[in-house]
Each structure stands twice: as structure tokens, then as C-alpha cells.
Amino acid sequence: MSLALTKCSILILFLGIFIDTWTRIATYIVLALVILSNIWVFYVIFSACTPIEAFWDISIRLATCHPQAYWLSNQGLIIVTDCLVFLLPMPVVWPLKMRMTQKVLVLFLFSMGLL
């Protein structure tokens, strides 16, 4: 939950900073992807096994749990949305008229969200 809310807050910050129409549209698209992917992640986590007790109690027979592909899709979605949030400010910062060291520092500041 904290990862999802952190990404959403970073994207809302970008909406306050970016003034170009295409950048704002891209930010809204990435924000929608983050929200939808986190809904999927929450679904997979909260419906891991049926009955839910089978998730931690292996003695329950006839339980059905999600295959590993569900868990891998969670990780893939989290990595993809992290990269999108990281790459979103790059086209805006790079053409700015400032020294190269300042550009690198600004890009580093925006990329702190990737960590």
C-alpha cells in the first residue's frame, strides 16, 4: 500500500510541475496504470488461496492457491511502473537550458523515486 501511494504522490507532484499538455497526459496515463496495477496486486495478495487459511497452513487439503505466474506478474507490474515513473521527467528536464552538471543533478533528484 505504501509503495502504491508513494508512486501516486510522485505522479501528482509531476502534475503540479509539468505544464506541457503531452507531459500531463502521459502523467495521467502512468497514474492510471499505477492505480490499475496496484488493484491487481492487491487482488492477488488478498485472494492468494481459497480458503485463505491455506496460505499459511499447508495441512489444509483441497485448497487452491494462485500459481507462480500471478506472483511474477505482480513483480513485473511493480518494476514496469517504477521505470515509467523514473523515465517520465527525463524528456522534460533534458531540453532545459542549464549546465550539464545541473541537468544531471536535477535528473538525479527526480530519479530518487526509483530507489
N, C-alpha and C. Protein backbone atom coordinates (compact mmCIF):
# COMPACT_ATOMS: atom_id res chain seq x y z
N MET A 1 0.82 -1.19 0.00
CA MET A 1 0.00 0.00 0.00
C MET A 1 0.87 1.26 0.00
N SER A 2 1.95 1.23 0.78
CA SER A 2 2.81 2.42 0.84
C SER A 2 3.52 2.65 -0.49
N LEU A 3 3.90 1.58 -1.18
CA LEU A 3 4.54 1.73 -2.49
C LEU A 3 3.58 2.35 -3.49
N ALA A 4 2.34 1.91 -3.47
CA ALA A 4 1.34 2.46 -4.40
C ALA A 4 1.09 3.93 -4.11
N LEU A 5 0.94 4.28 -2.85
CA LEU A 5 0.67 5.67 -2.51
C LEU A 5 1.87 6.57 -2.77
N THR A 6 3.08 6.03 -2.61
CA THR A 6 4.28 6.81 -2.91
C THR A 6 4.36 7.12 -4.40
N LYS A 7 4.09 6.12 -5.24
CA LYS A 7 4.11 6.37 -6.68
C LYS A 7 3.04 7.38 -7.07
N CYS A 8 1.86 7.24 -6.50
CA CYS A 8 0.78 8.18 -6.81
C CYS A 8 1.14 9.60 -6.38
N SER A 9 1.77 9.74 -5.22
CA SER A 9 2.14 11.09 -4.77
C SER A 9 3.23 11.69 -5.64
N ILE A 10 4.16 10.89 -6.12
CA ILE A 10 5.19 11.39 -7.03
C ILE A 10 4.55 11.85 -8.33
N LEU A 11 3.61 11.07 -8.85
CA LEU A 11 2.95 11.44 -10.10
C LEU A 11 2.08 12.68 -9.93
N ILE A 12 1.45 12.84 -8.79
CA ILE A 12 0.68 14.05 -8.53
C ILE A 12 1.61 15.26 -8.42
N LEU A 13 2.79 15.06 -7.86
CA LEU A 13 3.79 16.12 -7.84
C LEU A 13 4.20 16.50 -9.26
N PHE A 14 4.38 15.50 -10.13
CA PHE A 14 4.70 15.79 -11.53
C PHE A 14 3.59 16.60 -12.19
N LEU A 15 2.34 16.32 -11.85
CA LEU A 15 1.24 17.10 -12.43
C LEU A 15 1.31 18.56 -12.01
N GLY A 16 1.81 18.81 -10.83
CA GLY A 16 1.98 20.20 -10.39
C GLY A 16 3.16 20.89 -11.04
N ILE A 17 4.14 20.11 -11.49
CA ILE A 17 5.36 20.68 -12.07
C ILE A 17 5.24 20.84 -13.58
N PHE A 18 4.74 19.81 -14.26
CA PHE A 18 4.70 19.81 -15.72
C PHE A 18 3.60 20.73 -16.23
N ILE A 19 3.94 21.49 -17.29
CA ILE A 19 2.94 22.40 -17.86
C ILE A 19 2.57 22.00 -19.29
N ASP A 20 3.40 21.20 -19.96
CA ASP A 20 3.09 20.77 -21.31
C ASP A 20 1.90 19.82 -21.31
N THR A 21 1.06 19.95 -22.34
CA THR A 21 -0.13 19.11 -22.42
C THR A 21 0.24 17.64 -22.57
N TRP A 22 1.21 17.34 -23.44
CA TRP A 22 1.55 15.93 -23.68
C TRP A 22 2.16 15.29 -22.44
N THR A 23 2.91 16.07 -21.67
CA THR A 23 3.52 15.54 -20.45
C THR A 23 2.46 15.28 -19.39
N ARG A 24 1.49 16.16 -19.29
CA ARG A 24 0.41 15.96 -18.33
C ARG A 24 -0.44 14.75 -18.71
N ILE A 25 -0.70 14.59 -20.00
CA ILE A 25 -1.46 13.42 -20.46
C ILE A 25 -0.69 12.14 -20.15
N ALA A 26 0.61 12.15 -20.43
CA ALA A 26 1.44 10.98 -20.12
C ALA A 26 1.43 10.68 -18.62
N THR A 27 1.45 11.73 -17.81
CA THR A 27 1.43 11.54 -16.36
C THR A 27 0.09 10.94 -15.92
N TYR A 28 -1.01 11.42 -16.49
CA TYR A 28 -2.31 10.83 -16.16
C TYR A 28 -2.38 9.36 -16.58
N ILE A 29 -1.81 9.04 -17.73
CA ILE A 29 -1.81 7.64 -18.20
C ILE A 29 -1.00 6.77 -17.26
N VAL A 30 0.17 7.24 -16.86
CA VAL A 30 1.01 6.47 -15.94
C VAL A 30 0.32 6.36 -14.59
N LEU A 31 -0.34 7.41 -14.14
CA LEU A 31 -1.08 7.36 -12.87
C LEU A 31 -2.20 6.32 -12.94
N ALA A 32 -2.91 6.27 -14.05
CA ALA A 32 -3.96 5.26 -14.22
C ALA A 32 -3.36 3.85 -14.23
N LEU A 33 -2.22 3.69 -14.90
CA LEU A 33 -1.55 2.37 -14.91
C LEU A 33 -1.11 1.96 -13.52
N VAL A 34 -0.60 2.91 -12.75
CA VAL A 34 -0.17 2.60 -11.38
C VAL A 34 -1.37 2.18 -10.54
N ILE A 35 -2.47 2.88 -10.65
CA ILE A 35 -3.65 2.55 -9.87
C ILE A 35 -4.19 1.17 -10.28
N LEU A 36 -4.32 0.93 -11.58
CA LEU A 36 -4.84 -0.36 -12.04
C LEU A 36 -3.92 -1.52 -11.68
N SER A 37 -2.62 -1.31 -11.83
CA SER A 37 -1.69 -2.39 -11.50
C SER A 37 -1.70 -2.69 -10.01
N ASN A 38 -1.88 -1.68 -9.19
CA ASN A 38 -1.94 -1.93 -7.75
C ASN A 38 -3.25 -2.57 -7.33
N ILE A 39 -4.33 -2.31 -8.05
CA ILE A 39 -5.57 -3.04 -7.79
C ILE A 39 -5.34 -4.52 -8.07
N TRP A 40 -4.64 -4.84 -9.16
CA TRP A 40 -4.32 -6.23 -9.48
C TRP A 40 -3.43 -6.85 -8.39
N VAL A 41 -2.43 -6.12 -7.95
CA VAL A 41 -1.53 -6.62 -6.92
C VAL A 41 -2.30 -6.92 -5.63
N PHE A 42 -3.20 -6.01 -5.25
CA PHE A 42 -3.99 -6.24 -4.04
C PHE A 42 -4.92 -7.43 -4.20
N TYR A 43 -5.49 -7.58 -5.38
CA TYR A 43 -6.35 -8.74 -5.64
C TYR A 43 -5.57 -10.04 -5.46
N VAL A 44 -4.40 -10.11 -6.05
CA VAL A 44 -3.60 -11.33 -5.96
C VAL A 44 -3.20 -11.61 -4.51
N ILE A 45 -2.83 -10.58 -3.79
CA ILE A 45 -2.40 -10.78 -2.41
C ILE A 45 -3.57 -11.23 -1.53
N PHE A 46 -4.72 -10.56 -1.67
CA PHE A 46 -5.83 -10.84 -0.76
C PHE A 46 -6.63 -12.07 -1.16
N SER A 47 -6.42 -12.59 -2.36
CA SER A 47 -7.11 -13.82 -2.76
C SER A 47 -6.09 -14.91 -3.10
N ALA A 48 -5.03 -14.97 -2.34
CA ALA A 48 -3.93 -15.89 -2.63
C ALA A 48 -4.38 -17.34 -2.65
N CYS A 49 -5.17 -17.74 -1.68
CA CYS A 49 -5.63 -19.13 -1.58
C CYS A 49 -7.11 -19.16 -1.20
N THR A 50 -7.75 -20.25 -1.57
CA THR A 50 -9.12 -20.48 -1.16
C THR A 50 -9.18 -21.83 -0.46
N PRO A 51 -9.49 -21.91 0.77
CA PRO A 51 -9.75 -20.86 1.75
C PRO A 51 -8.46 -20.11 2.08
N ILE A 52 -8.60 -18.90 2.56
CA ILE A 52 -7.46 -18.02 2.80
C ILE A 52 -6.49 -18.60 3.83
N GLU A 53 -6.98 -19.44 4.73
CA GLU A 53 -6.11 -20.05 5.75
C GLU A 53 -5.07 -20.97 5.13
N ALA A 54 -5.34 -21.45 3.92
CA ALA A 54 -4.40 -22.35 3.26
C ALA A 54 -3.11 -21.65 2.87
N PHE A 55 -3.11 -20.34 2.89
CA PHE A 55 -1.90 -19.59 2.55
C PHE A 55 -0.80 -19.83 3.58
N TRP A 56 -1.16 -19.97 4.84
CA TRP A 56 -0.16 -20.19 5.89
C TRP A 56 -0.25 -21.57 6.54
N ASP A 57 -1.32 -22.32 6.26
CA ASP A 57 -1.49 -23.64 6.87
C ASP A 57 -1.48 -24.69 5.76
N ILE A 58 -0.36 -25.39 5.60
CA ILE A 58 -0.24 -26.35 4.50
C ILE A 58 -0.97 -27.66 4.78
N SER A 59 -1.50 -27.82 5.98
CA SER A 59 -2.22 -29.05 6.29
C SER A 59 -3.65 -29.05 5.74
N ILE A 60 -4.14 -27.94 5.25
CA ILE A 60 -5.50 -27.86 4.70
C ILE A 60 -5.51 -28.53 3.33
N ARG A 61 -6.38 -29.51 3.18
CA ARG A 61 -6.50 -30.26 1.92
C ARG A 61 -7.53 -29.58 1.01
N LEU A 62 -7.42 -29.85 -0.24
CA LEU A 62 -8.33 -29.33 -1.27
C LEU A 62 -8.32 -27.80 -1.35
N ALA A 63 -7.21 -27.21 -1.03
CA ALA A 63 -7.07 -25.76 -1.15
C ALA A 63 -6.52 -25.43 -2.52
N THR A 64 -6.95 -24.33 -3.06
CA THR A 64 -6.42 -23.86 -4.34
C THR A 64 -5.74 -22.52 -4.11
N CYS A 65 -4.53 -22.41 -4.61
CA CYS A 65 -3.75 -21.17 -4.49
C CYS A 65 -3.36 -20.70 -5.89
N HIS A 66 -3.06 -19.43 -5.97
CA HIS A 66 -2.63 -18.87 -7.25
C HIS A 66 -1.32 -19.51 -7.70
N PRO A 67 -1.18 -19.75 -9.01
CA PRO A 67 0.12 -20.24 -9.49
C PRO A 67 1.18 -19.15 -9.42
N GLN A 68 2.40 -19.55 -9.63
CA GLN A 68 3.52 -18.61 -9.51
C GLN A 68 3.43 -17.49 -10.55
N ALA A 69 2.76 -17.72 -11.65
CA ALA A 69 2.63 -16.68 -12.68
C ALA A 69 1.94 -15.43 -12.14
N TYR A 70 1.02 -15.60 -11.23
CA TYR A 70 0.35 -14.45 -10.62
C TYR A 70 1.36 -13.60 -9.84
N TRP A 71 2.20 -14.26 -9.08
CA TRP A 71 3.18 -13.54 -8.27
C TRP A 71 4.23 -12.87 -9.15
N LEU A 72 4.62 -13.54 -10.23
CA LEU A 72 5.58 -12.94 -11.15
C LEU A 72 4.97 -11.75 -11.89
N SER A 73 3.68 -11.83 -12.19
CA SER A 73 3.04 -10.68 -12.83
C SER A 73 3.01 -9.48 -11.88
N ASN A 74 2.84 -9.75 -10.59
CA ASN A 74 2.90 -8.66 -9.61
C ASN A 74 4.25 -7.97 -9.67
N GLN A 75 5.30 -8.75 -9.63
CA GLN A 75 6.64 -8.16 -9.65
C GLN A 75 6.91 -7.41 -10.95
N GLY A 76 6.46 -7.98 -12.06
CA GLY A 76 6.63 -7.31 -13.35
C GLY A 76 5.91 -5.97 -13.41
N LEU A 77 4.68 -5.94 -12.90
CA LEU A 77 3.93 -4.69 -12.88
C LEU A 77 4.59 -3.64 -12.01
N ILE A 78 5.10 -4.06 -10.88
CA ILE A 78 5.76 -3.11 -9.97
C ILE A 78 7.03 -2.55 -10.62
N ILE A 79 7.80 -3.40 -11.27
CA ILE A 79 9.04 -2.95 -11.93
C ILE A 79 8.73 -2.02 -13.09
N VAL A 80 7.72 -2.36 -13.90
CA VAL A 80 7.37 -1.53 -15.05
C VAL A 80 6.87 -0.15 -14.60
N THR A 81 6.02 -0.12 -13.59
CA THR A 81 5.53 1.19 -13.13
C THR A 81 6.64 2.00 -12.48
N ASP A 82 7.58 1.34 -11.79
CA ASP A 82 8.74 2.06 -11.25
C ASP A 82 9.54 2.71 -12.38
N CYS A 83 9.79 1.97 -13.44
CA CYS A 83 10.56 2.51 -14.56
C CYS A 83 9.82 3.64 -15.26
N LEU A 84 8.49 3.52 -15.40
CA LEU A 84 7.72 4.59 -16.03
C LEU A 84 7.78 5.87 -15.20
N VAL A 85 7.66 5.75 -13.90
CA VAL A 85 7.75 6.93 -13.04
C VAL A 85 9.15 7.53 -13.11
N PHE A 86 10.16 6.67 -13.22
CA PHE A 86 11.54 7.15 -13.33
C PHE A 86 11.78 7.87 -14.66
N LEU A 87 11.24 7.34 -15.76
CA LEU A 87 11.52 7.89 -17.09
C LEU A 87 10.64 9.09 -17.45
N LEU A 88 9.54 9.29 -16.76
CA LEU A 88 8.60 10.35 -17.12
C LEU A 88 9.20 11.75 -17.14
N PRO A 89 10.01 12.16 -16.16
CA PRO A 89 10.52 13.55 -16.22
C PRO A 89 11.72 13.73 -17.15
N MET A 90 12.30 12.67 -17.66
CA MET A 90 13.52 12.79 -18.48
C MET A 90 13.32 13.68 -19.72
N PRO A 91 12.26 13.49 -20.53
CA PRO A 91 12.12 14.36 -21.72
C PRO A 91 11.84 15.82 -21.38
N VAL A 92 11.40 16.09 -20.17
CA VAL A 92 11.12 17.47 -19.78
C VAL A 92 12.39 18.17 -19.31
N VAL A 93 13.21 17.44 -18.57
CA VAL A 93 14.41 18.05 -17.98
C VAL A 93 15.53 18.18 -19.01
N TRP A 94 15.67 17.21 -19.90
CA TRP A 94 16.82 17.19 -20.79
C TRP A 94 16.92 18.42 -21.70
N PRO A 95 15.85 18.93 -22.30
CA PRO A 95 16.00 20.11 -23.17
C PRO A 95 16.11 21.45 -22.43
N LEU A 96 16.07 21.46 -21.12
CA LEU A 96 16.19 22.71 -20.38
C LEU A 96 17.55 23.37 -20.64
N LYS A 97 17.56 24.68 -20.64
CA LYS A 97 18.79 25.42 -20.89
C LYS A 97 19.49 25.66 -19.55
N MET A 98 20.32 24.71 -19.20
CA MET A 98 21.12 24.81 -17.98
C MET A 98 22.40 24.00 -18.21
N ARG A 99 23.34 24.22 -17.32
CA ARG A 99 24.60 23.49 -17.45
C ARG A 99 24.36 21.99 -17.31
N MET A 100 25.25 21.20 -17.90
CA MET A 100 25.11 19.75 -17.88
C MET A 100 25.13 19.21 -16.45
N THR A 101 25.96 19.78 -15.60
CA THR A 101 26.00 19.30 -14.22
C THR A 101 24.67 19.55 -13.50
N GLN A 102 24.05 20.68 -13.79
CA GLN A 102 22.75 20.97 -13.19
C GLN A 102 21.68 20.01 -13.70
N LYS A 103 21.73 19.71 -15.02
CA LYS A 103 20.78 18.75 -15.58
C LYS A 103 20.93 17.39 -14.91
N VAL A 104 22.16 16.96 -14.77
CA VAL A 104 22.40 15.66 -14.15
C VAL A 104 21.90 15.66 -12.70
N LEU A 105 22.13 16.75 -11.99
CA LEU A 105 21.66 16.83 -10.61
C LEU A 105 20.13 16.83 -10.52
N VAL A 106 19.48 17.53 -11.44
CA VAL A 106 18.01 17.54 -11.44
C VAL A 106 17.48 16.16 -11.80
N LEU A 107 18.07 15.50 -12.78
CA LEU A 107 17.65 14.14 -13.13
C LEU A 107 17.91 13.17 -11.98
N PHE A 108 19.01 13.37 -11.28
CA PHE A 108 19.29 12.54 -10.10
C PHE A 108 18.23 12.76 -9.03
N LEU A 109 17.84 14.00 -8.86
CA LEU A 109 16.81 14.31 -7.86
C LEU A 109 15.49 13.63 -8.21
N PHE A 110 15.09 13.70 -9.49
CA PHE A 110 13.87 13.03 -9.90
C PHE A 110 13.99 11.52 -9.82
N SER A 111 15.19 10.99 -10.03
CA SER A 111 15.36 9.54 -10.03
C SER A 111 15.44 8.96 -8.63
N MET A 112 15.44 9.77 -7.62
CA MET A 112 15.46 9.24 -6.25
C MET A 112 14.23 8.38 -5.96
N GLY A 113 13.15 8.63 -6.68
CA GLY A 113 11.96 7.82 -6.51
C GLY A 113 12.16 6.39 -6.97
N LEU A 114 13.12 6.17 -7.87
CA LEU A 114 13.40 4.81 -8.32
C LEU A 114 14.01 3.96 -7.22
N LEU A 115 14.76 4.60 -6.35
CA LEU A 115 15.37 3.84 -5.27
C LEU A 115 14.33 3.35 -4.29
